Amino acid sequence: MDKKFAIIGDIHANLDALNAVVDDARANGVTDFVCVGDVVGYNACPAECIKIVRDELHAPVVCGNHDHYVSTDSPLSDFTELAAEVVKWTRRQLSPADIAWLRDLPYSKLHMGFTIVHSTLDMPEHWGYIFDNLTAEASFAYQKTGICFYGHSHVPMVHRKSQVGIVRLEPQEIPVPIGSRFLINVGSVGQPRDGDPRASYVVYDAKAHVVKFRRLEYDVEAAMGRVRAAGLPERLAQRLAVGR
């Protein structure tokens, strides 16, 4: 398949980071965009980011936990006070059409030979995290394709399953040959949490069978300024500068 995919996720309404990623992906010959969820939440431009992902990139998208809670009346008891405050703020920024689009997103999706999900494949609607081999194994048990891309933790990560067990690999350029099985966290476009404030996404070259992680500088100060201008908590601006 002569396709090159940009797999993006955890955009979290960060317009400046999203624009940088889209420009970089196009400069690197990407033909298709795919999103593993959480288009909204935490940052100041939810409607603008929805418009880009839905109307300009025409990306297949799965539902993230922020997408779900923004678009439904589900109790926010699982959220921190900070995150719950932004969910309520985000609801007020979106049109009924935006809300409906978020509400209708599937929890997981097969797309051109690979799988996308926001959290875990075993219980995607429960928003669990994958941090180690044990939690990776639970998702591998439900994985029907060679590669599954996901997000949620905002930390780039790769697990490979073979006959001898599960191995964690460094998130860099990795071959993904046919017949192998990989679970790949693409990191976060809009709010990285691995101590590196640069936007994160991956390019999957389906013809060459290679996945390459990309980290990009973007205008963090502009993104912080948008958060402050929107009246959102200062903590949300500050964490963009440190990647935590």
Protein backbone atom coordinates (compact mmCIF):
# COMPACT_ATOMS: atom_id res chain seq x y z
CA MET A 1 0.00 0.00 0.00
CA ASP A 2 1.59 3.24 -1.17
CA LYS A 3 0.38 5.37 1.73
CA LYS A 4 2.13 7.47 4.34
CA PHE A 5 0.04 8.24 7.42
CA ALA A 6 0.44 10.91 10.08
CA ILE A 7 -0.97 9.40 13.27
CA ILE A 8 -1.83 12.21 15.67
CA GLY A 9 -3.60 12.35 19.01
CA ASP A 10 -4.16 14.17 22.27
CA ILE A 11 -4.33 17.47 20.41
CA HIS A 12 -6.23 18.94 23.35
CA ALA A 13 -7.31 22.14 21.60
CA ASN A 14 -3.73 23.33 21.07
CA LEU A 15 -4.03 25.08 17.72
CA ASP A 16 -0.39 26.19 17.51
CA ALA A 17 0.92 22.66 18.05
CA LEU A 18 -1.59 21.15 15.63
CA ASN A 19 -0.68 23.59 12.86
CA ALA A 20 3.02 22.81 13.33
CA VAL A 21 2.37 19.07 13.12
CA VAL A 22 0.18 19.36 10.02
CA ASP A 23 2.80 21.49 8.25
CA ASP A 24 5.60 19.07 9.19
CA ALA A 25 3.60 16.03 8.09
CA ARG A 26 2.82 17.54 4.72
CA ALA A 27 6.47 18.53 4.25
CA ASN A 28 7.36 14.87 4.88
CA GLY A 29 5.05 13.56 2.18
CA VAL A 30 2.18 12.36 4.34
CA THR A 31 -0.86 11.34 2.28
CA ASP A 32 -3.38 10.67 5.07
CA PHE A 33 -4.07 11.87 8.61
CA VAL A 34 -5.50 9.66 11.38
CA CYS A 35 -6.38 10.74 14.94
CA VAL A 36 -6.41 8.61 18.11
CA GLY A 37 -8.68 10.98 20.00
CA ASP A 38 -8.86 13.83 22.50
CA VAL A 39 -9.16 16.59 19.96
CA VAL A 40 -10.46 18.85 22.76
CA GLY A 41 -9.68 19.59 26.40
CA TYR A 42 -7.03 21.53 28.40
CA ASN A 43 -6.26 24.25 25.82
CA ALA A 44 -8.01 27.22 24.29
CA CYS A 45 -9.00 26.35 20.70
CA PRO A 46 -11.37 23.35 20.69
CA ALA A 47 -13.61 24.51 17.82
CA GLU A 48 -10.66 25.45 15.63
CA CYS A 49 -8.97 22.08 16.18
CA ILE A 50 -12.18 20.17 15.44
CA LYS A 51 -12.54 22.10 12.19
CA ILE A 52 -9.01 21.21 11.06
CA VAL A 53 -9.25 17.51 11.94
CA ARG A 54 -12.79 17.00 10.67
CA ASP A 55 -13.14 19.41 7.75
CA GLU A 56 -9.60 19.98 6.45
CA LEU A 57 -7.73 16.75 7.18
CA HIS A 58 -10.82 14.51 6.87
CA ALA A 59 -9.13 12.24 9.38
CA PRO A 60 -10.65 9.06 10.79
CA VAL A 61 -10.95 9.74 14.53
CA VAL A 62 -11.72 7.67 17.62
CA CYS A 63 -13.22 8.99 20.82
CA GLY A 64 -10.95 10.13 23.64
CA ASN A 65 -12.09 10.57 27.21
CA HIS A 66 -12.20 14.37 26.91
CA ASP A 67 -14.13 14.09 23.64
CA HIS A 68 -16.60 11.82 25.43
CA TYR A 69 -17.12 13.94 28.54
CA VAL A 70 -17.34 17.21 26.63
CA SER A 71 -20.10 15.79 24.41
CA THR A 72 -22.17 13.97 27.04
CA ASP A 73 -23.69 14.59 30.46
CA SER A 74 -21.58 11.84 32.08
CA PRO A 75 -20.49 12.67 35.65
CA LEU A 76 -17.02 14.19 35.89
CA SER A 77 -16.08 12.31 39.04
CA ASP A 78 -13.12 10.59 37.32
CA PHE A 79 -11.58 13.96 36.41
CA THR A 80 -9.36 16.18 38.50
CA GLU A 81 -10.92 19.51 39.46
CA LEU A 82 -8.69 21.22 36.90
CA ALA A 83 -9.70 18.90 34.04
CA ALA A 84 -13.39 19.05 34.97
CA GLU A 85 -13.29 22.85 34.89
CA VAL A 86 -11.94 22.79 31.34
CA VAL A 87 -14.52 20.22 30.22
CA LYS A 88 -17.29 22.57 31.33
CA TRP A 89 -15.58 25.54 29.66
CA THR A 90 -15.09 23.59 26.43
CA ARG A 91 -18.77 22.66 26.23
CA ARG A 92 -19.60 26.37 26.09
CA GLN A 93 -17.23 26.97 23.18
CA LEU A 94 -18.62 24.37 20.80
CA SER A 95 -21.57 24.40 18.42
CA PRO A 96 -24.27 21.69 18.55
CA ALA A 97 -22.73 20.22 15.38
CA ASP A 98 -19.31 20.01 17.04
CA ILE A 99 -20.81 18.35 20.12
CA ALA A 100 -22.69 15.85 17.97
CA TRP A 101 -19.55 15.00 16.01
CA LEU A 102 -17.61 14.28 19.20
CA ARG A 103 -20.48 12.25 20.63
CA ASP A 104 -20.67 10.03 17.54
CA LEU A 105 -16.98 9.07 17.46
CA PRO A 106 -16.32 5.32 17.84
CA TYR A 107 -14.15 3.96 20.65
CA SER A 108 -11.94 2.01 18.25
CA LYS A 109 -11.62 1.66 14.52
CA LEU A 110 -9.95 -0.50 11.88
CA HIS A 111 -8.46 1.64 9.13
CA MET A 112 -6.52 0.44 6.10
CA GLY A 113 -5.03 -2.57 7.84
CA PHE A 114 -4.27 -1.10 11.26
CA THR A 115 -6.23 -0.28 14.42
CA ILE A 116 -6.71 2.99 16.26
CA VAL A 117 -8.01 3.43 19.80
CA HIS A 118 -7.58 6.12 22.44
CA SER A 119 -6.87 4.04 25.52
CA THR A 120 -6.92 0.22 25.65
CA LEU A 121 -8.44 -2.30 23.27
CA ASP A 122 -9.78 -4.59 25.99
CA MET A 123 -12.04 -1.91 27.55
CA PRO A 124 -11.72 1.25 25.46
CA GLU A 125 -14.70 2.95 27.09
CA HIS A 126 -13.10 2.69 30.57
CA TRP A 127 -10.10 4.87 29.68
CA GLY A 128 -7.38 2.65 31.09
CA TYR A 129 -3.67 3.35 30.62
CA ILE A 130 -0.89 1.28 29.08
CA PHE A 131 2.40 1.79 30.89
CA ASP A 132 3.96 -1.67 31.15
CA ASN A 133 4.03 -5.15 29.61
CA LEU A 134 1.11 -6.37 31.71
CA THR A 135 -1.31 -3.67 30.55
CA ALA A 136 0.03 -4.00 27.01
CA GLU A 137 -0.75 -7.72 27.08
CA ALA A 138 -4.42 -7.02 27.86
CA SER A 139 -4.70 -4.91 24.68
CA PHE A 140 -2.71 -7.34 22.54
CA ALA A 141 -5.28 -10.02 23.43
CA TYR A 142 -7.91 -7.97 21.56
CA GLN A 143 -5.70 -6.74 18.72
CA LYS A 144 -6.65 -8.17 15.32
CA THR A 145 -4.15 -6.23 13.20
CA GLY A 146 -0.37 -6.08 13.17
CA ILE A 147 -0.26 -2.50 14.42
CA CYS A 148 -2.46 -0.62 16.86
CA PHE A 149 -1.90 3.11 17.40
CA TYR A 150 -3.20 4.71 20.60
CA GLY A 151 -2.70 7.65 22.97
CA HIS A 152 -4.20 8.80 26.30
CA SER A 153 -1.06 8.83 28.49
CA HIS A 154 0.62 11.57 26.41
CA VAL A 155 3.85 9.53 26.55
CA PRO A 156 5.33 8.03 23.35
CA MET A 157 5.77 4.28 23.78
CA VAL A 158 6.21 1.09 21.74
CA HIS A 159 5.48 -2.51 22.72
CA ARG A 160 6.21 -5.43 20.42
CA LYS A 161 4.72 -8.89 20.96
CA SER A 162 6.53 -11.97 19.72
CA GLN A 163 6.59 -15.68 20.47
CA VAL A 164 8.98 -15.07 23.37
CA GLY A 165 6.89 -12.34 24.99
CA ILE A 166 6.45 -8.57 24.98
CA VAL A 167 9.36 -6.19 24.55
CA ARG A 168 9.30 -2.43 25.05
CA LEU A 169 11.18 -0.47 22.38
CA GLU A 170 12.47 3.08 22.22
CA PRO A 171 10.09 5.50 20.45
CA GLN A 172 12.23 6.29 17.44
CA GLU A 173 12.32 5.00 13.86
CA ILE A 174 11.33 1.34 13.96
CA PRO A 175 10.65 -1.29 11.28
CA VAL A 176 7.19 -2.86 11.51
CA PRO A 177 7.42 -5.88 9.19
CA ILE A 178 4.34 -7.79 8.05
CA GLY A 179 3.54 -10.57 10.51
CA SER A 180 4.80 -8.68 13.55
CA ARG A 181 2.58 -7.11 16.22
CA PHE A 182 3.06 -3.63 17.64
CA LEU A 183 1.20 -1.44 20.11
CA ILE A 184 2.31 2.15 19.53
CA ASN A 185 1.51 5.21 21.63
CA VAL A 186 1.97 8.23 19.37
CA GLY A 187 2.44 10.73 22.20
CA SER A 188 0.62 14.04 22.41
CA VAL A 189 0.38 16.86 19.89
CA GLY A 190 -0.96 19.41 22.33
CA GLN A 191 0.15 18.52 25.87
CA PRO A 192 3.21 16.21 26.10
CA ARG A 193 3.87 14.68 29.52
CA ASP A 194 7.27 13.02 29.11
CA GLY A 195 9.32 16.06 30.08
CA ASP A 196 9.74 17.14 26.45
CA PRO A 197 7.44 20.07 25.54
CA ARG A 198 7.76 19.49 21.80
CA ALA A 199 4.69 18.21 19.95
CA SER A 200 4.72 14.46 19.29
CA TYR A 201 3.23 12.34 16.50
CA VAL A 202 4.26 9.44 14.26
CA VAL A 203 4.58 8.88 10.52
CA TYR A 204 3.67 5.39 9.36
CA ASP A 205 5.03 4.51 5.93
CA ALA A 206 2.84 1.57 4.94
CA LYS A 207 4.88 0.82 1.82
CA ALA A 208 8.27 0.76 3.59
CA HIS A 209 6.77 -0.80 6.78
CA VAL A 210 8.41 1.80 9.01
CA VAL A 211 7.07 3.94 11.85
CA LYS A 212 8.97 7.11 12.69
CA PHE A 213 8.36 9.26 15.76
CA ARG A 214 8.50 13.00 15.21
CA ARG A 215 9.08 15.73 17.84
CA LEU A 216 8.51 19.34 16.83
CA GLU A 217 9.21 22.75 18.23
CA TYR A 218 6.18 25.02 18.01
CA ASP A 219 5.19 28.43 19.37
CA VAL A 220 4.63 27.41 22.98
CA GLU A 221 4.43 31.02 24.13
CA ALA A 222 1.55 31.67 21.73
CA ALA A 223 -0.29 28.59 23.01
CA MET A 224 0.27 29.70 26.60
CA GLY A 225 -1.04 33.14 25.71
CA ARG A 226 -4.23 31.67 24.28
CA VAL A 227 -4.82 29.71 27.50
CA ARG A 228 -4.43 32.86 29.59
CA ALA A 229 -6.57 34.98 27.26
CA ALA A 230 -9.35 32.38 27.53
CA GLY A 231 -9.30 32.69 31.33
CA LEU A 232 -8.27 29.06 31.81
CA PRO A 233 -6.16 28.05 34.84
CA GLU A 234 -2.54 29.21 34.78
CA ARG A 235 -1.38 25.65 35.51
CA LEU A 236 -2.52 24.67 32.02
CA ALA A 237 -0.32 27.32 30.45
CA GLN A 238 2.71 26.50 32.59
CA ARG A 239 2.69 22.77 31.87
CA LEU A 240 3.04 23.43 28.13
CA ALA A 241 6.47 24.92 28.77
CA VAL A 242 7.78 21.92 30.70
CA GLY A 243 6.04 18.99 29.03
CA ARG A 244 4.48 17.61 32.22
